[in-house]
């Protein structure tokens, strides 16, 4: 039976000394740091939730989103159970969730 390998924990000073040794620095330099995400590499987006308007809704306030029955609304926020935030025809506003159904 082969005995398990013994590992020695190096102190921070020993590790710093090892990294500073001549052959070690060149081998570390051969491993570039990982690439950082950039604007050219966007994170994948979740598909937007969409709903179909079941009834016409006439906005009464400036921050509300008016729509007609049958229109498709992109839902931006549905954290409130009654009023959701959505986008339609380039406009963003609040609308009553119970006037719509998910598609």
N, C-alpha and C. Protein backbone atom coordinates (compact mmCIF):
# COMPACT_ATOMS: atom_id res chain seq x y z
N UNK A 1 0.84 -1.17 0.00
CA UNK A 1 0.00 0.00 0.00
C UNK A 1 0.89 1.24 0.00
N UNK A 2 0.53 2.20 -0.82
CA UNK A 2 1.30 3.43 -0.94
C UNK A 2 0.74 4.45 0.04
N UNK A 3 1.60 5.07 0.86
CA UNK A 3 1.10 6.06 1.82
C UNK A 3 0.61 7.31 1.09
N UNK A 4 -0.38 8.00 1.64
CA UNK A 4 -0.85 9.23 1.00
C UNK A 4 0.25 10.28 0.98
N UNK A 5 0.19 11.14 -0.02
CA UNK A 5 1.21 12.19 -0.14
C UNK A 5 1.03 13.20 0.98
N UNK A 6 2.12 13.68 1.47
CA UNK A 6 2.10 14.71 2.51
C UNK A 6 2.23 16.08 1.85
N UNK A 7 1.36 16.97 2.16
CA UNK A 7 1.41 18.32 1.62
C UNK A 7 1.85 19.27 2.71
N UNK A 8 2.73 20.18 2.35
CA UNK A 8 3.20 21.19 3.29
C UNK A 8 2.56 22.51 2.91
N UNK A 9 1.95 23.16 3.85
CA UNK A 9 1.37 24.48 3.59
C UNK A 9 2.48 25.50 3.64
N UNK A 10 2.62 26.24 2.58
CA UNK A 10 3.62 27.31 2.55
C UNK A 10 3.06 28.56 3.19
N UNK A 11 3.91 29.25 3.91
CA UNK A 11 3.49 30.54 4.46
C UNK A 11 3.43 31.54 3.32
N UNK A 12 2.81 32.66 3.56
CA UNK A 12 2.70 33.71 2.56
C UNK A 12 4.08 34.17 2.12
N UNK A 13 5.01 34.27 3.07
CA UNK A 13 6.38 34.70 2.73
C UNK A 13 7.06 33.68 1.82
N UNK A 14 6.88 32.38 2.11
CA UNK A 14 7.50 31.35 1.27
C UNK A 14 6.91 31.39 -0.14
N UNK A 15 5.61 31.61 -0.24
CA UNK A 15 4.99 31.69 -1.56
C UNK A 15 5.51 32.89 -2.33
N UNK A 16 5.64 34.01 -1.67
CA UNK A 16 6.16 35.21 -2.33
C UNK A 16 7.59 34.97 -2.80
N UNK A 17 8.38 34.28 -1.99
CA UNK A 17 9.76 33.99 -2.36
C UNK A 17 9.81 33.06 -3.57
N UNK A 18 8.91 32.05 -3.59
CA UNK A 18 8.87 31.11 -4.71
C UNK A 18 8.48 31.81 -6.00
N UNK A 19 7.50 32.70 -5.92
CA UNK A 19 7.07 33.42 -7.12
C UNK A 19 8.18 34.31 -7.64
N UNK A 20 9.00 34.83 -6.72
CA UNK A 20 10.08 35.72 -7.12
C UNK A 20 11.30 35.00 -7.66
N UNK A 21 11.32 33.68 -7.68
CA UNK A 21 12.49 32.96 -8.17
C UNK A 21 12.59 33.07 -9.67
N UNK A 22 13.82 33.09 -10.23
CA UNK A 22 13.99 33.26 -11.66
C UNK A 22 13.21 32.29 -12.50
N UNK A 23 13.17 31.18 -12.67
CA UNK A 23 12.41 30.37 -13.63
C UNK A 23 10.92 30.46 -13.44
N UNK A 24 10.49 30.78 -12.22
CA UNK A 24 9.06 30.83 -11.92
C UNK A 24 8.39 32.04 -12.57
N UNK A 25 9.01 33.18 -12.55
CA UNK A 25 8.42 34.39 -13.12
C UNK A 25 8.13 34.23 -14.59
N UNK A 26 9.04 33.62 -15.32
CA UNK A 26 8.82 33.46 -16.75
C UNK A 26 7.69 32.47 -17.03
N UNK A 27 7.53 31.45 -16.18
CA UNK A 27 6.44 30.50 -16.43
C UNK A 27 5.10 31.14 -16.09
N UNK A 28 5.06 32.04 -15.10
CA UNK A 28 3.81 32.73 -14.80
C UNK A 28 3.44 33.68 -15.92
N UNK A 29 4.44 34.30 -16.52
CA UNK A 29 4.18 35.25 -17.61
C UNK A 29 3.62 34.57 -18.83
N UNK A 30 3.82 33.26 -18.96
CA UNK A 30 3.32 32.57 -20.14
C UNK A 30 1.82 32.29 -20.04
N UNK A 31 1.21 32.56 -18.90
CA UNK A 31 -0.22 32.37 -18.72
C UNK A 31 -0.88 33.73 -18.61
N UNK A 32 -1.48 34.22 -19.68
CA UNK A 32 -2.12 35.54 -19.63
C UNK A 32 -3.36 35.49 -18.74
N UNK A 33 -3.75 36.63 -18.18
CA UNK A 33 -4.97 36.65 -17.37
C UNK A 33 -6.18 36.37 -18.26
N UNK A 34 -7.27 35.87 -17.67
CA UNK A 34 -8.46 35.61 -18.47
C UNK A 34 -9.01 36.89 -19.07
N UNK A 35 -9.66 36.76 -20.23
CA UNK A 35 -10.24 37.93 -20.90
C UNK A 35 -11.44 38.42 -20.12
N UNK A 36 -11.56 39.73 -20.07
CA UNK A 36 -12.71 40.34 -19.42
C UNK A 36 -13.81 40.55 -20.45
N UNK A 37 -15.06 40.42 -20.04
CA UNK A 37 -16.14 40.69 -20.99
C UNK A 37 -16.07 42.14 -21.46
N UNK A 38 -16.44 42.35 -22.69
CA UNK A 38 -16.45 43.71 -23.23
C UNK A 38 -17.78 43.95 -23.93
N UNK A 39 -17.92 45.14 -24.47
CA UNK A 39 -19.14 45.46 -25.19
C UNK A 39 -19.32 44.57 -26.42
N UNK A 40 -18.20 44.09 -26.97
CA UNK A 40 -18.29 43.24 -28.15
C UNK A 40 -18.71 41.82 -27.79
N UNK A 41 -18.69 41.48 -26.51
CA UNK A 41 -19.09 40.15 -26.05
C UNK A 41 -20.23 40.32 -25.04
N UNK A 42 -21.45 40.63 -25.48
CA UNK A 42 -22.54 40.87 -24.54
C UNK A 42 -22.97 39.58 -23.85
N UNK A 43 -23.51 39.74 -22.65
CA UNK A 43 -24.04 38.59 -21.94
C UNK A 43 -25.34 38.17 -22.61
N UNK A 44 -25.63 36.88 -22.62
CA UNK A 44 -26.87 36.45 -23.26
C UNK A 44 -28.07 37.05 -22.54
N UNK A 45 -29.05 37.45 -23.28
CA UNK A 45 -30.25 38.06 -22.73
C UNK A 45 -31.35 37.02 -22.59
N UNK A 46 -32.11 37.14 -21.52
CA UNK A 46 -33.28 36.28 -21.39
C UNK A 46 -34.34 36.73 -22.39
N UNK A 47 -35.09 35.80 -22.94
CA UNK A 47 -36.16 36.23 -23.83
C UNK A 47 -37.17 37.05 -23.02
N UNK A 48 -37.65 38.12 -23.61
CA UNK A 48 -38.60 39.00 -22.92
C UNK A 48 -39.95 38.30 -22.79
N UNK A 49 -40.61 38.55 -21.67
CA UNK A 49 -41.97 38.04 -21.48
C UNK A 49 -42.91 38.92 -22.31
N UNK A 50 -43.83 38.28 -22.99
CA UNK A 50 -44.79 39.02 -23.80
C UNK A 50 -46.20 38.62 -23.41
N UNK A 51 -47.09 39.59 -23.52
CA UNK A 51 -48.51 39.35 -23.24
C UNK A 51 -49.34 39.90 -24.39
N UNK A 52 -50.53 39.32 -24.55
CA UNK A 52 -51.48 39.81 -25.56
C UNK A 52 -52.59 40.56 -24.83
N UNK A 53 -52.91 41.75 -25.33
CA UNK A 53 -53.99 42.54 -24.75
C UNK A 53 -55.33 41.87 -25.06
N UNK A 54 -56.12 41.64 -24.03
CA UNK A 54 -57.44 41.03 -24.20
C UNK A 54 -58.53 42.08 -24.39
N UNK A 55 -58.26 43.30 -23.92
CA UNK A 55 -59.23 44.39 -23.99
C UNK A 55 -58.49 45.68 -24.34
N UNK A 56 -59.21 46.66 -24.81
CA UNK A 56 -58.64 47.99 -25.02
C UNK A 56 -58.36 48.62 -23.65
N UNK A 57 -57.28 49.37 -23.56
CA UNK A 57 -56.99 50.12 -22.34
C UNK A 57 -56.61 51.54 -22.73
N UNK A 58 -57.35 52.51 -22.18
CA UNK A 58 -57.07 53.92 -22.42
C UNK A 58 -56.31 54.47 -21.22
N UNK A 59 -55.12 54.99 -21.48
CA UNK A 59 -54.29 55.54 -20.41
C UNK A 59 -54.96 56.78 -19.83
N UNK A 60 -55.00 56.86 -18.51
CA UNK A 60 -55.56 58.03 -17.83
C UNK A 60 -54.47 58.90 -17.23
N UNK A 61 -53.30 58.33 -17.03
CA UNK A 61 -52.16 59.06 -16.47
C UNK A 61 -51.03 59.04 -17.50
N UNK A 62 -50.10 59.98 -17.38
CA UNK A 62 -49.01 60.08 -18.35
C UNK A 62 -48.08 58.86 -18.33
N UNK A 63 -47.97 58.18 -17.18
CA UNK A 63 -47.06 57.04 -17.07
C UNK A 63 -47.73 55.71 -17.43
N UNK A 64 -48.96 55.74 -17.94
CA UNK A 64 -49.66 54.52 -18.32
C UNK A 64 -49.49 54.24 -19.81
N UNK A 65 -49.60 52.98 -20.16
CA UNK A 65 -49.41 52.52 -21.54
C UNK A 65 -50.77 52.14 -22.14
N UNK A 66 -51.21 52.90 -23.12
CA UNK A 66 -52.49 52.61 -23.79
C UNK A 66 -52.27 51.52 -24.84
N UNK A 67 -53.29 50.68 -25.04
CA UNK A 67 -53.21 49.64 -26.07
C UNK A 67 -54.60 49.22 -26.50
N UNK A 68 -54.63 48.49 -27.61
CA UNK A 68 -55.88 47.94 -28.14
C UNK A 68 -55.86 46.43 -28.00
N UNK A 69 -57.05 45.84 -27.94
CA UNK A 69 -57.15 44.39 -27.85
C UNK A 69 -56.39 43.74 -29.00
N UNK A 70 -55.65 42.70 -28.69
CA UNK A 70 -54.90 41.96 -29.70
C UNK A 70 -53.44 42.37 -29.82
N UNK A 71 -53.07 43.55 -29.30
CA UNK A 71 -51.67 43.99 -29.41
C UNK A 71 -50.78 43.17 -28.47
N UNK A 72 -49.51 43.04 -28.88
CA UNK A 72 -48.52 42.30 -28.11
C UNK A 72 -47.65 43.30 -27.36
N UNK A 73 -47.55 43.12 -26.04
CA UNK A 73 -46.79 44.03 -25.18
C UNK A 73 -45.60 43.27 -24.61
N UNK A 74 -44.43 43.89 -24.66
CA UNK A 74 -43.24 43.33 -24.02
C UNK A 74 -43.27 43.75 -22.55
N UNK A 75 -43.23 42.78 -21.64
CA UNK A 75 -43.28 43.07 -20.21
C UNK A 75 -41.86 43.33 -19.70
N UNK A 76 -41.67 44.48 -19.07
CA UNK A 76 -40.37 44.86 -18.53
C UNK A 76 -40.28 44.61 -17.03
N UNK A 77 -41.41 44.69 -16.33
CA UNK A 77 -41.43 44.48 -14.88
C UNK A 77 -42.81 43.98 -14.48
N UNK A 78 -42.84 42.85 -13.80
CA UNK A 78 -44.12 42.32 -13.33
C UNK A 78 -44.05 42.01 -11.84
N UNK A 79 -43.27 42.81 -11.11
CA UNK A 79 -43.12 42.59 -9.67
C UNK A 79 -44.40 42.94 -8.90
N UNK A 80 -45.21 43.83 -9.42
CA UNK A 80 -46.50 44.15 -8.80
C UNK A 80 -47.55 43.25 -9.44
N UNK A 81 -48.45 42.72 -8.65
CA UNK A 81 -49.43 41.78 -9.21
C UNK A 81 -50.52 42.45 -10.04
N UNK A 82 -50.76 43.74 -9.82
CA UNK A 82 -51.85 44.42 -10.52
C UNK A 82 -51.42 45.25 -11.73
N UNK A 83 -50.35 46.02 -11.59
CA UNK A 83 -49.88 46.91 -12.65
C UNK A 83 -48.48 46.50 -13.08
N UNK A 84 -48.31 46.22 -14.36
CA UNK A 84 -47.01 45.83 -14.91
C UNK A 84 -46.45 46.97 -15.74
N UNK A 85 -45.15 46.93 -15.93
CA UNK A 85 -44.48 47.91 -16.79
C UNK A 85 -44.17 47.22 -18.10
N UNK A 86 -44.50 47.88 -19.22
CA UNK A 86 -44.29 47.26 -20.52
C UNK A 86 -43.89 48.25 -21.58
N UNK A 87 -43.53 47.68 -22.75
CA UNK A 87 -43.13 48.48 -23.91
C UNK A 87 -44.01 48.08 -25.09
N UNK A 88 -44.50 49.10 -25.80
CA UNK A 88 -45.34 48.89 -26.98
C UNK A 88 -45.15 50.08 -27.91
N UNK A 89 -44.84 49.79 -29.17
CA UNK A 89 -44.65 50.84 -30.19
C UNK A 89 -43.66 51.92 -29.74
N UNK A 90 -42.59 51.52 -29.06
CA UNK A 90 -41.56 52.46 -28.64
C UNK A 90 -41.88 53.23 -27.38
N UNK A 91 -43.04 53.00 -26.81
CA UNK A 91 -43.43 53.68 -25.56
C UNK A 91 -43.31 52.71 -24.39
N UNK A 92 -42.98 53.23 -23.22
CA UNK A 92 -42.90 52.43 -22.00
C UNK A 92 -43.87 53.03 -20.99
N UNK A 93 -44.63 52.15 -20.33
CA UNK A 93 -45.57 52.64 -19.33
C UNK A 93 -46.18 51.50 -18.54
N UNK A 94 -47.03 51.87 -17.59
CA UNK A 94 -47.72 50.91 -16.74
C UNK A 94 -49.05 50.52 -17.37
N UNK A 95 -49.45 49.27 -17.14
CA UNK A 95 -50.73 48.81 -17.65
C UNK A 95 -51.31 47.78 -16.69
N UNK A 96 -52.65 47.61 -16.69
CA UNK A 96 -53.27 46.62 -15.79
C UNK A 96 -53.01 45.20 -16.30
N UNK A 97 -52.39 44.41 -15.44
CA UNK A 97 -52.03 43.04 -15.82
C UNK A 97 -53.25 42.20 -16.18
N UNK A 98 -54.39 42.47 -15.53
CA UNK A 98 -55.58 41.64 -15.79
C UNK A 98 -56.25 41.94 -17.13
N UNK A 99 -55.73 42.91 -17.88
CA UNK A 99 -56.22 43.17 -19.23
C UNK A 99 -55.45 42.34 -20.27
N UNK A 100 -54.51 41.54 -19.82
CA UNK A 100 -53.63 40.80 -20.73
C UNK A 100 -53.55 39.33 -20.35
N UNK A 101 -52.99 38.54 -21.27
CA UNK A 101 -52.69 37.14 -20.95
C UNK A 101 -51.33 36.81 -21.56
N UNK A 102 -50.52 36.00 -20.86
CA UNK A 102 -49.19 35.62 -21.37
C UNK A 102 -49.30 34.84 -22.67
N UNK A 103 -48.32 35.02 -23.53
CA UNK A 103 -48.28 34.24 -24.77
C UNK A 103 -46.99 33.44 -24.84
